[in-house]
Amino acid sequence: MTGQYHYHVEPLYLTTSKGKGALLGFLLDGFPVYGPLENGKTLTDSDLDALHGHTSVTTDYPNGIYHYHITAAAPYINGDGFFGTAGTVTN
């Protein structure tokens, strides 16, 4: 426990106010996390790799980038590990 606030499931306040396809934050490896919607499609676990992400173009990264997605099923935010090297969070 680091005392840092974090989510284990979809942050409904953010996806309701910002949109289901919005950039919601970054995991400890520095890669972005988006809501469950991409290009008008609600993504499921079968659309993503074992880490719960994939590489594609996003509004924020028009040249494409690896990124994670929140989904309605486990593991919800990220899978077994990180795509990049996990760092640390400091205040």
PDB file of N, CA and C in Angstrom:
ATOM      1  N   MET A   1       0.836  -1.184   0.000  1.00  0.00           N
ATOM      2  CA  MET A   1       0.000   0.000   0.000  1.00  0.00           C
ATOM      3  C   MET A   1       0.881   1.247   0.000  1.00  0.00           C
ATOM      4  N   THR A   2       0.652   2.070  -0.994  1.00  0.00           N
ATOM      5  CA  THR A   2       1.429   3.301  -1.088  1.00  0.00           C
ATOM      6  C   THR A   2       0.654   4.514  -0.601  1.00  0.00           C
ATOM      7  N   GLY A   3      -0.639   4.338  -0.347  1.00  0.00           N
ATOM      8  CA  GLY A   3      -1.455   5.470   0.058  1.00  0.00           C
ATOM      9  C   GLY A   3      -1.908   6.310  -1.118  1.00  0.00           C
ATOM     10  N   GLN A   4      -1.562   5.910  -2.352  1.00  0.00           N
ATOM     11  CA  GLN A   4      -1.977   6.632  -3.547  1.00  0.00           C
ATOM     12  C   GLN A   4      -3.368   6.180  -3.967  1.00  0.00           C
ATOM     13  N   TYR A   5      -4.233   7.130  -4.304  1.00  0.00           N
ATOM     14  CA  TYR A   5      -5.573   6.800  -4.761  1.00  0.00           C
ATOM     15  C   TYR A   5      -5.484   6.166  -6.135  1.00  0.00           C
ATOM     16  N   HIS A   6      -6.229   5.078  -6.344  1.00  0.00           N
ATOM     17  CA  HIS A   6      -6.198   4.397  -7.634  1.00  0.00           C
ATOM     18  C   HIS A   6      -7.481   3.594  -7.820  1.00  0.00           C
ATOM     19  N   TYR A   7      -7.720   3.178  -9.055  1.00  0.00           N
ATOM     20  CA  TYR A   7      -8.935   2.445  -9.391  1.00  0.00           C
ATOM     21  C   TYR A   7      -8.632   0.987  -9.684  1.00  0.00           C
ATOM     22  N   HIS A   8      -9.624   0.133  -9.438  1.00  0.00           N
ATOM     23  CA  HIS A   8      -9.555  -1.269  -9.833  1.00  0.00           C
ATOM     24  C   HIS A   8     -10.608  -1.600 -10.875  1.00  0.00           C
ATOM     25  N   VAL A   9     -11.581  -0.734 -11.057  1.00  0.00           N
ATOM     26  CA  VAL A   9     -12.645  -0.907 -12.043  1.00  0.00           C
ATOM     27  C   VAL A   9     -12.837   0.422 -12.766  1.00  0.00           C
ATOM     28  N   GLU A  10     -13.770   0.446 -13.714  1.00  0.00           N
ATOM     29  CA  GLU A  10     -14.012   1.671 -14.478  1.00  0.00           C
ATOM     30  C   GLU A  10     -14.365   2.834 -13.556  1.00  0.00           C
ATOM     31  N   PRO A  11     -13.659   3.951 -13.700  1.00  0.00           N
ATOM     32  CA  PRO A  11     -13.983   5.146 -12.903  1.00  0.00           C
ATOM     33  C   PRO A  11     -15.198   5.849 -13.532  1.00  0.00           C
ATOM     34  N   LEU A  12     -16.377   5.479 -13.106  1.00  0.00           N
ATOM     35  CA  LEU A  12     -17.608   5.936 -13.745  1.00  0.00           C
ATOM     36  C   LEU A  12     -17.753   7.455 -13.778  1.00  0.00           C
ATOM     37  N   TYR A  13     -17.290   8.134 -12.753  1.00  0.00           N
ATOM     38  CA  TYR A  13     -17.378   9.600 -12.778  1.00  0.00           C
ATOM     39  C   TYR A  13     -16.586  10.147 -13.964  1.00  0.00           C
ATOM     40  N   LEU A  14     -15.390   9.621 -14.179  1.00  0.00           N
ATOM     41  CA  LEU A  14     -14.560  10.111 -15.285  1.00  0.00           C
ATOM     42  C   LEU A  14     -15.127   9.729 -16.648  1.00  0.00           C
ATOM     43  N   THR A  15     -15.550   8.483 -16.810  1.00  0.00           N
ATOM     44  CA  THR A  15     -16.059   8.068 -18.115  1.00  0.00           C
ATOM     45  C   THR A  15     -17.408   8.712 -18.426  1.00  0.00           C
ATOM     46  N   THR A  16     -18.162   9.079 -17.390  1.00  0.00           N
ATOM     47  CA  THR A  16     -19.422   9.789 -17.614  1.00  0.00           C
ATOM     48  C   THR A  16     -19.163  11.244 -17.972  1.00  0.00           C
ATOM     49  N   SER A  17     -18.249  11.882 -17.273  1.00  0.00           N
ATOM     50  CA  SER A  17     -18.009  13.309 -17.501  1.00  0.00           C
ATOM     51  C   SER A  17     -17.067  13.583 -18.671  1.00  0.00           C
ATOM     52  N   LYS A  18     -16.081  12.732 -18.900  1.00  0.00           N
ATOM     53  CA  LYS A  18     -15.094  12.951 -19.964  1.00  0.00           C
ATOM     54  C   LYS A  18     -15.405  12.183 -21.236  1.00  0.00           C
ATOM     55  N   GLY A  19     -16.163  11.110 -21.105  1.00  0.00           N
ATOM     56  CA  GLY A  19     -16.494  10.274 -22.253  1.00  0.00           C
ATOM     57  C   GLY A  19     -15.851   8.904 -22.111  1.00  0.00           C
ATOM     58  N   LYS A  20     -16.518   7.896 -22.641  1.00  0.00           N
ATOM     59  CA  LYS A  20     -16.044   6.512 -22.508  1.00  0.00           C
ATOM     60  C   LYS A  20     -14.789   6.231 -23.329  1.00  0.00           C
ATOM     61  N   GLY A  21     -14.436   7.128 -24.248  1.00  0.00           N
ATOM     62  CA  GLY A  21     -13.225   6.937 -25.042  1.00  0.00           C
ATOM     63  C   GLY A  21     -12.100   7.886 -24.659  1.00  0.00           C
ATOM     64  N   ALA A  22     -12.272   8.604 -23.572  1.00  0.00           N
ATOM     65  CA  ALA A  22     -11.311   9.628 -23.164  1.00  0.00           C
ATOM     66  C   ALA A  22     -10.049   9.047 -22.535  1.00  0.00           C
ATOM     67  N   LEU A  23      -8.971   9.815 -22.640  1.00  0.00           N
ATOM     68  CA  LEU A  23      -7.737   9.513 -21.911  1.00  0.00           C
ATOM     69  C   LEU A  23      -8.033   9.747 -20.431  1.00  0.00           C
ATOM     70  N   LEU A  24      -7.846   8.700 -19.628  1.00  0.00           N
ATOM     71  CA  LEU A  24      -8.197   8.778 -18.211  1.00  0.00           C
ATOM     72  C   LEU A  24      -7.002   8.908 -17.290  1.00  0.00           C
ATOM     73  N   GLY A  25      -5.831   8.537 -17.766  1.00  0.00           N
ATOM     74  CA  GLY A  25      -4.645   8.614 -16.930  1.00  0.00           C
ATOM     75  C   GLY A  25      -3.530   7.781 -17.513  1.00  0.00           C
ATOM     76  N   PHE A  26      -2.539   7.497 -16.675  1.00  0.00           N
ATOM     77  CA  PHE A  26      -1.357   6.741 -17.095  1.00  0.00           C
ATOM     78  C   PHE A  26      -1.033   5.701 -16.031  1.00  0.00           C
ATOM     79  N   LEU A  27      -0.632   4.524 -16.480  1.00  0.00           N
ATOM     80  CA  LEU A  27      -0.182   3.510 -15.527  1.00  0.00           C
ATOM     81  C   LEU A  27       1.258   3.802 -15.129  1.00  0.00           C
ATOM     82  N   LEU A  28       1.784   3.049 -14.175  1.00  0.00           N
ATOM     83  CA  LEU A  28       3.124   3.306 -13.654  1.00  0.00           C
ATOM     84  C   LEU A  28       4.231   3.158 -14.694  1.00  0.00           C
ATOM     85  N   ASP A  29       3.952   2.521 -15.824  1.00  0.00           N
ATOM     86  CA  ASP A  29       4.970   2.417 -16.869  1.00  0.00           C
ATOM     87  C   ASP A  29       4.934   3.600 -17.821  1.00  0.00           C
ATOM     88  N   GLY A  30       4.038   4.551 -17.580  1.00  0.00           N
ATOM     89  CA  GLY A  30       3.968   5.765 -18.386  1.00  0.00           C
ATOM     90  C   GLY A  30       3.068   5.684 -19.603  1.00  0.00           C
ATOM     91  N   PHE A  31       2.440   4.537 -19.855  1.00  0.00           N
ATOM     92  CA  PHE A  31       1.566   4.404 -21.005  1.00  0.00           C
ATOM     93  C   PHE A  31       0.144   4.804 -20.636  1.00  0.00           C
ATOM     94  N   PRO A  32      -0.578   5.420 -21.591  1.00  0.00           N
ATOM     95  CA  PRO A  32      -1.914   5.934 -21.299  1.00  0.00           C
ATOM     96  C   PRO A  32      -2.964   4.851 -21.093  1.00  0.00           C
ATOM     97  N   VAL A  33      -4.002   5.242 -20.360  1.00  0.00           N
ATOM     98  CA  VAL A  33      -5.170   4.390 -20.118  1.00  0.00           C
ATOM     99  C   VAL A  33      -6.397   5.130 -20.642  1.00  0.00           C
ATOM    100  N   TYR A  34      -7.148   4.446 -21.480  1.00  0.00           N
ATOM    101  CA  TYR A  34      -8.372   5.012 -22.044  1.00  0.00           C
ATOM    102  C   TYR A  34      -9.585   4.254 -21.525  1.00  0.00           C
ATOM    103  N   GLY A  35     -10.745   4.876 -21.687  1.00  0.00           N
ATOM    104  CA  GLY A  35     -12.000   4.228 -21.341  1.00  0.00           C
ATOM    105  C   GLY A  35     -12.278   3.051 -22.267  1.00  0.00           C
ATOM    106  N   PRO A  36     -13.428   2.434 -22.122  1.00  0.00           N
ATOM    107  CA  PRO A  36     -13.731   1.207 -22.854  1.00  0.00           C
ATOM    108  C   PRO A  36     -14.119   1.410 -24.323  1.00  0.00           C
ATOM    109  N   LEU A  37     -14.284   2.640 -24.770  1.00  0.00           N
ATOM    110  CA  LEU A  37     -14.741   2.903 -26.133  1.00  0.00           C
ATOM    111  C   LEU A  37     -13.586   3.342 -27.028  1.00  0.00           C
ATOM    112  N   GLU A  38     -13.500   2.748 -28.215  1.00  0.00           N
ATOM    113  CA  GLU A  38     -12.486   3.162 -29.197  1.00  0.00           C
ATOM    114  C   GLU A  38     -13.098   3.080 -30.588  1.00  0.00           C
ATOM    115  N   ASN A  39     -13.056   4.195 -31.303  1.00  0.00           N
ATOM    116  CA  ASN A  39     -13.619   4.275 -32.655  1.00  0.00           C
ATOM    117  C   ASN A  39     -15.067   3.786 -32.710  1.00  0.00           C
ATOM    118  N   GLY A  40     -15.846   4.156 -31.691  1.00  0.00           N
ATOM    119  CA  GLY A  40     -17.254   3.810 -31.653  1.00  0.00           C
ATOM    120  C   GLY A  40     -17.563   2.398 -31.202  1.00  0.00           C
ATOM    121  N   LYS A  41     -16.554   1.613 -30.860  1.00  0.00           N
ATOM    122  CA  LYS A  41     -16.748   0.232 -30.433  1.00  0.00           C
ATOM    123  C   LYS A  41     -16.391   0.091 -28.954  1.00  0.00           C
ATOM    124  N   THR A  42     -17.242  -0.585 -28.194  1.00  0.00           N
ATOM    125  CA  THR A  42     -16.919  -0.907 -26.804  1.00  0.00           C
ATOM    126  C   THR A  42     -16.011  -2.129 -26.810  1.00  0.00           C
ATOM    127  N   LEU A  43     -14.804  -1.953 -26.326  1.00  0.00           N
ATOM    128  CA  LEU A  43     -13.817  -3.024 -26.349  1.00  0.00           C
ATOM    129  C   LEU A  43     -14.077  -4.051 -25.251  1.00  0.00           C
ATOM    130  N   THR A  44     -13.701  -5.282 -25.548  1.00  0.00           N
ATOM    131  CA  THR A  44     -13.771  -6.365 -24.573  1.00  0.00           C
ATOM    132  C   THR A  44     -12.372  -6.950 -24.420  1.00  0.00           C
ATOM    133  N   ASP A  45     -12.220  -7.863 -23.485  1.00  0.00           N
ATOM    134  CA  ASP A  45     -10.920  -8.498 -23.263  1.00  0.00           C
ATOM    135  C   ASP A  45     -10.372  -9.140 -24.536  1.00  0.00           C
ATOM    136  N   SER A  46     -11.251  -9.673 -25.381  1.00  0.00           N
ATOM    137  CA  SER A  46     -10.788 -10.352 -26.604  1.00  0.00           C
ATOM    138  C   SER A  46     -10.196  -9.392 -27.630  1.00  0.00           C
ATOM    139  N   ASP A  47     -10.436  -8.088 -27.476  1.00  0.00           N
ATOM    140  CA  ASP A  47      -9.860  -7.081 -28.377  1.00  0.00           C
ATOM    141  C   ASP A  47      -8.466  -6.655 -27.947  1.00  0.00           C
ATOM    142  N   LEU A  48      -8.047  -7.079 -26.759  1.00  0.00           N
ATOM    143  CA  LEU A  48      -6.805  -6.594 -26.164  1.00  0.00           C
ATOM    144  C   LEU A  48      -5.845  -7.743 -25.893  1.00  0.00           C
ATOM    145  N   ASP A  49      -4.576  -7.395 -25.663  1.00  0.00           N
ATOM    146  CA  ASP A  49      -3.582  -8.428 -25.365  1.00  0.00           C
ATOM    147  C   ASP A  49      -3.635  -8.829 -23.885  1.00  0.00           C
ATOM    148  N   ALA A  50      -2.713  -9.666 -23.467  1.00  0.00           N
ATOM    149  CA  ALA A  50      -2.692 -10.179 -22.093  1.00  0.00           C
ATOM    150  C   ALA A  50      -2.453  -9.083 -21.056  1.00  0.00           C
ATOM    151  N   LEU A  51      -1.881  -7.969 -21.477  1.00  0.00           N
ATOM    152  CA  LEU A  51      -1.644  -6.855 -20.566  1.00  0.00           C
ATOM    153  C   LEU A  51      -2.813  -5.879 -20.546  1.00  0.00           C
ATOM    154  N   HIS A  52      -3.819  -6.168 -21.358  1.00  0.00           N
ATOM    155  CA  HIS A  52      -5.051  -5.394 -21.458  1.00  0.00           C
ATOM    156  C   HIS A  52      -4.864  -4.106 -22.247  1.00  0.00           C
ATOM    157  N   GLY A  53      -4.035  -4.184 -23.288  1.00  0.00           N
ATOM    158  CA  GLY A  53      -3.811  -3.030 -24.135  1.00  0.00           C
ATOM    159  C   GLY A  53      -3.559  -3.445 -25.566  1.00  0.00           C
ATOM    160  N   HIS A  54      -3.206  -2.467 -26.379  1.00  0.00           N
ATOM    161  CA  HIS A  54      -2.819  -2.701 -27.770  1.00  0.00           C
ATOM    162  C   HIS A  54      -2.204  -1.427 -28.322  1.00  0.00           C
ATOM    163  N   THR A  55      -1.653  -1.516 -29.519  1.00  0.00           N
ATOM    164  CA  THR A  55      -1.069  -0.354 -30.177  1.00  0.00           C
ATOM    165  C   THR A  55      -2.005   0.087 -31.286  1.00  0.00           C
ATOM    166  N   SER A  56      -2.377   1.355 -31.256  1.00  0.00           N
ATOM    167  CA  SER A  56      -3.190   1.945 -32.319  1.00  0.00           C
ATOM    168  C   SER A  56      -3.127   3.457 -32.192  1.00  0.00           C
ATOM    169  N   VAL A  57      -3.694   4.118 -33.185  1.00  0.00           N
ATOM    170  CA  VAL A  57      -3.786   5.574 -33.201  1.00  0.00           C
ATOM    171  C   VAL A  57      -4.852   5.999 -32.203  1.00  0.00           C
ATOM    172  N   THR A  58      -4.589   7.085 -31.484  1.00  0.00           N
ATOM    173  CA  THR A  58      -5.586   7.683 -30.605  1.00  0.00           C
ATOM    174  C   THR A  58      -5.666   9.176 -30.930  1.00  0.00           C
ATOM    175  N   THR A  59      -6.663   9.845 -30.419  1.00  0.00           N
ATOM    176  CA  THR A  59      -6.790  11.292 -30.621  1.00  0.00           C
ATOM    177  C   THR A  59      -5.569  12.018 -30.069  1.00  0.00           C
ATOM    178  N   ASP A  60      -5.081  11.558 -28.937  1.00  0.00           N
ATOM    179  CA  ASP A  60      -3.950  12.208 -28.269  1.00  0.00           C
ATOM    180  C   ASP A  60      -2.608  11.826 -28.890  1.00  0.00           C
ATOM    181  N   TYR A  61      -2.552  10.668 -29.553  1.00  0.00           N
ATOM    182  CA  TYR A  61      -1.322  10.157 -30.157  1.00  0.00           C
ATOM    183  C   TYR A  61      -1.613   9.739 -31.598  1.00  0.00           C
ATOM    184  N   PRO A  62      -1.674  10.721 -32.515  1.00  0.00           N
ATOM    185  CA  PRO A  62      -2.067  10.431 -33.902  1.00  0.00           C
ATOM    186  C   PRO A  62      -1.088   9.535 -34.666  1.00  0.00           C
ATOM    187  N   ASN A  63       0.113   9.346 -34.170  1.00  0.00           N
ATOM    188  CA  ASN A  63       1.067   8.430 -34.813  1.00  0.00           C
ATOM    189  C   ASN A  63       0.967   7.020 -34.236  1.00  0.00           C
ATOM    190  N   GLY A  64       0.095   6.847 -33.258  1.00  0.00           N
ATOM    191  CA  GLY A  64      -0.096   5.542 -32.621  1.00  0.00           C
ATOM    192  C   GLY A  64       0.791   5.376 -31.407  1.00  0.00           C
ATOM    193  N   ILE A  65       0.302   4.611 -30.451  1.00  0.00           N
ATOM    194  CA  ILE A  65       1.040   4.329 -29.220  1.00  0.00           C
ATOM    195  C   ILE A  65       0.407   3.100 -28.560  1.00  0.00           C
ATOM    196  N   TYR A  66       1.211   2.381 -27.812  1.00  0.00           N
ATOM    197  CA  TYR A  66       0.644   1.319 -26.987  1.00  0.00           C
ATOM    198  C   TYR A  66      -0.155   1.998 -25.887  1.00  0.00           C
ATOM    199  N   HIS A  67      -1.333   1.480 -25.610  1.00  0.00           N
ATOM    200  CA  HIS A  67      -2.162   2.029 -24.542  1.00  0.00           C
ATOM    201  C   HIS A  67      -3.076   0.949 -23.985  1.00  0.00           C
ATOM    202  N   TYR A  68      -3.512   1.181 -22.766  1.00  0.00           N
ATOM    203  CA  TYR A  68      -4.404   0.267 -22.064  1.00  0.00           C
ATOM    204  C   TYR A  68      -5.844   0.763 -22.193  1.00  0.00           C
ATOM    205  N   HIS A  69      -6.785  -0.155 -21.987  1.00  0.00           N
ATOM    206  CA  HIS A  69      -8.207   0.203 -21.959  1.00  0.00           C
ATOM    207  C   HIS A  69      -8.858  -0.406 -20.728  1.00  0.00           C
ATOM    208  N   ILE A  70      -9.802   0.328 -20.184  1.00  0.00           N
ATOM    209  CA  ILE A  70     -10.662  -0.193 -19.135  1.00  0.00           C
ATOM    210  C   ILE A  70     -11.774  -0.982 -19.811  1.00  0.00           C
ATOM    211  N   THR A  71     -12.114  -2.140 -19.275  1.00  0.00           N
ATOM    212  CA  THR A  71     -13.248  -2.912 -19.793  1.00  0.00           C
ATOM    213  C   THR A  71     -14.170  -3.297 -18.640  1.00  0.00           C
ATOM    214  N   ALA A  72     -15.302  -3.872 -18.993  1.00  0.00           N
ATOM    215  CA  ALA A  72     -16.304  -4.247 -17.995  1.00  0.00           C
ATOM    216  C   ALA A  72     -16.023  -5.587 -17.332  1.00  0.00           C
ATOM    217  N   ALA A  73     -15.003  -6.310 -17.795  1.00  0.00           N
ATOM    218  CA  ALA A  73     -14.682  -7.630 -17.240  1.00  0.00           C
ATOM    219  C   ALA A  73     -13.247  -7.643 -16.709  1.00  0.00           C
ATOM    220  N   ALA A  74     -12.985  -8.555 -15.793  1.00  0.00           N
ATOM    221  CA  ALA A  74     -11.631  -8.692 -15.242  1.00  0.00           C
ATOM    222  C   ALA A  74     -10.651  -8.946 -16.370  1.00  0.00           C
ATOM    223  N   PRO A  75      -9.490  -8.336 -16.354  1.00  0.00           N
ATOM    224  CA  PRO A  75      -8.846  -7.619 -15.256  1.00  0.00           C
ATOM    225  C   PRO A  75      -9.201  -6.133 -15.173  1.00  0.00           C
ATOM    226  N   TYR A  76     -10.205  -5.664 -15.876  1.00  0.00           N
ATOM    227  CA  TYR A  76     -10.744  -4.312 -15.824  1.00  0.00           C
ATOM    228  C   TYR A  76      -9.806  -3.243 -16.343  1.00  0.00           C
ATOM    229  N   ILE A  77      -8.625  -3.080 -15.780  1.00  0.00           N
ATOM    230  CA  ILE A  77      -7.728  -2.000 -16.212  1.00  0.00           C
ATOM    231  C   ILE A  77      -6.449  -2.530 -16.845  1.00  0.00           C
ATOM    232  N   ASN A  78      -5.674  -3.295 -16.168  1.00  0.00           N
ATOM    233  CA  ASN A  78      -4.497  -3.877 -16.819  1.00  0.00           C
ATOM    234  C   ASN A  78      -4.340  -5.323 -16.388  1.00  0.00           C
ATOM    235  N   GLY A  79      -3.685  -6.074 -17.246  1.00  0.00           N
ATOM    236  CA  GLY A  79      -3.566  -7.512 -17.031  1.00  0.00           C
ATOM    237  C   GLY A  79      -2.368  -7.878 -16.180  1.00  0.00           C
ATOM    238  N   ASP A  80      -1.666  -8.895 -16.605  1.00  0.00           N
ATOM    239  CA  ASP A  80      -0.567  -9.471 -15.843  1.00  0.00           C
ATOM    240  C   ASP A  80       0.728  -8.728 -16.117  1.00  0.00           C
ATOM    241  N   GLY A  81       0.895  -7.572 -15.524  1.00  0.00           N
ATOM    242  CA  GLY A  81       2.119  -6.800 -15.677  1.00  0.00           C
ATOM    243  C   GLY A  81       1.931  -5.541 -16.486  1.00  0.00           C
ATOM    244  N   PHE A  82       3.045  -4.983 -16.918  1.00  0.00           N
ATOM    245  CA  PHE A  82       3.061  -3.727 -17.660  1.00  0.00           C
ATOM    246  C   PHE A  82       3.742  -3.928 -19.006  1.00  0.00           C
ATOM    247  N   PHE A  83       3.348  -3.130 -19.993  1.00  0.00           N
ATOM    248  CA  PHE A  83       3.987  -3.144 -21.301  1.00  0.00           C
ATOM    249  C   PHE A  83       5.403  -2.577 -21.201  1.00  0.00           C
ATOM    250  N   GLY A  84       5.545  -1.503 -20.447  1.00  0.00           N
ATOM    251  CA  GLY A  84       6.847  -0.872 -20.246  1.00  0.00           C
ATOM    252  C   GLY A  84       7.392  -1.205 -18.860  1.00  0.00           C
ATOM    253  N   THR A  85       8.426  -0.503 -18.476  1.00  0.00           N
ATOM    254  CA  THR A  85       9.033  -0.694 -17.162  1.00  0.00           C
ATOM    255  C   THR A  85       8.319   0.181 -16.153  1.00  0.00           C
ATOM    256  N   ALA A  86       7.801  -0.452 -15.131  1.00  0.00           N
ATOM    257  CA  ALA A  86       7.078   0.287 -14.098  1.00  0.00           C
ATOM    258  C   ALA A  86       8.032   1.154 -13.295  1.00  0.00           C
ATOM    259  N   GLY A  87       7.627   2.378 -13.053  1.00  0.00           N
ATOM    260  CA  GLY A  87       8.409   3.299 -12.239  1.00  0.00           C
ATOM    261  C   GLY A  87       7.766   3.454 -10.883  1.00  0.00           C
ATOM    262  N   THR A  88       7.860   4.639 -10.351  1.00  0.00           N
ATOM    263  CA  THR A  88       7.264   4.920  -9.049  1.00  0.00           C
ATOM    264  C   THR A  88       6.465   6.210  -9.142  1.00  0.00           C
ATOM    265  N   VAL A  89       5.577   6.389  -8.194  1.00  0.00           N
ATOM    266  CA  VAL A  89       4.775   7.611  -8.100  1.00  0.00           C
ATOM    267  C   VAL A  89       5.267   8.381  -6.889  1.00  0.00           C
ATOM    268  N   THR A  90       5.517   9.673  -7.072  1.00  0.00           N
ATOM    269  CA  THR A  90       5.920  10.517  -5.939  1.00  0.00           C
ATOM    270  C   THR A  90       4.988  11.705  -5.876  1.00  0.00           C
ATOM    271  N   ASN A  91       4.858  12.256  -4.697  1.00  0.00           N
ATOM    272  CA  ASN A  91       4.010  13.454  -4.521  1.00  0.00           C
ATOM    273  C   ASN A  91       4.812  14.694  -4.722  1.00  0.00           C
TER     274      ASN A  91
END
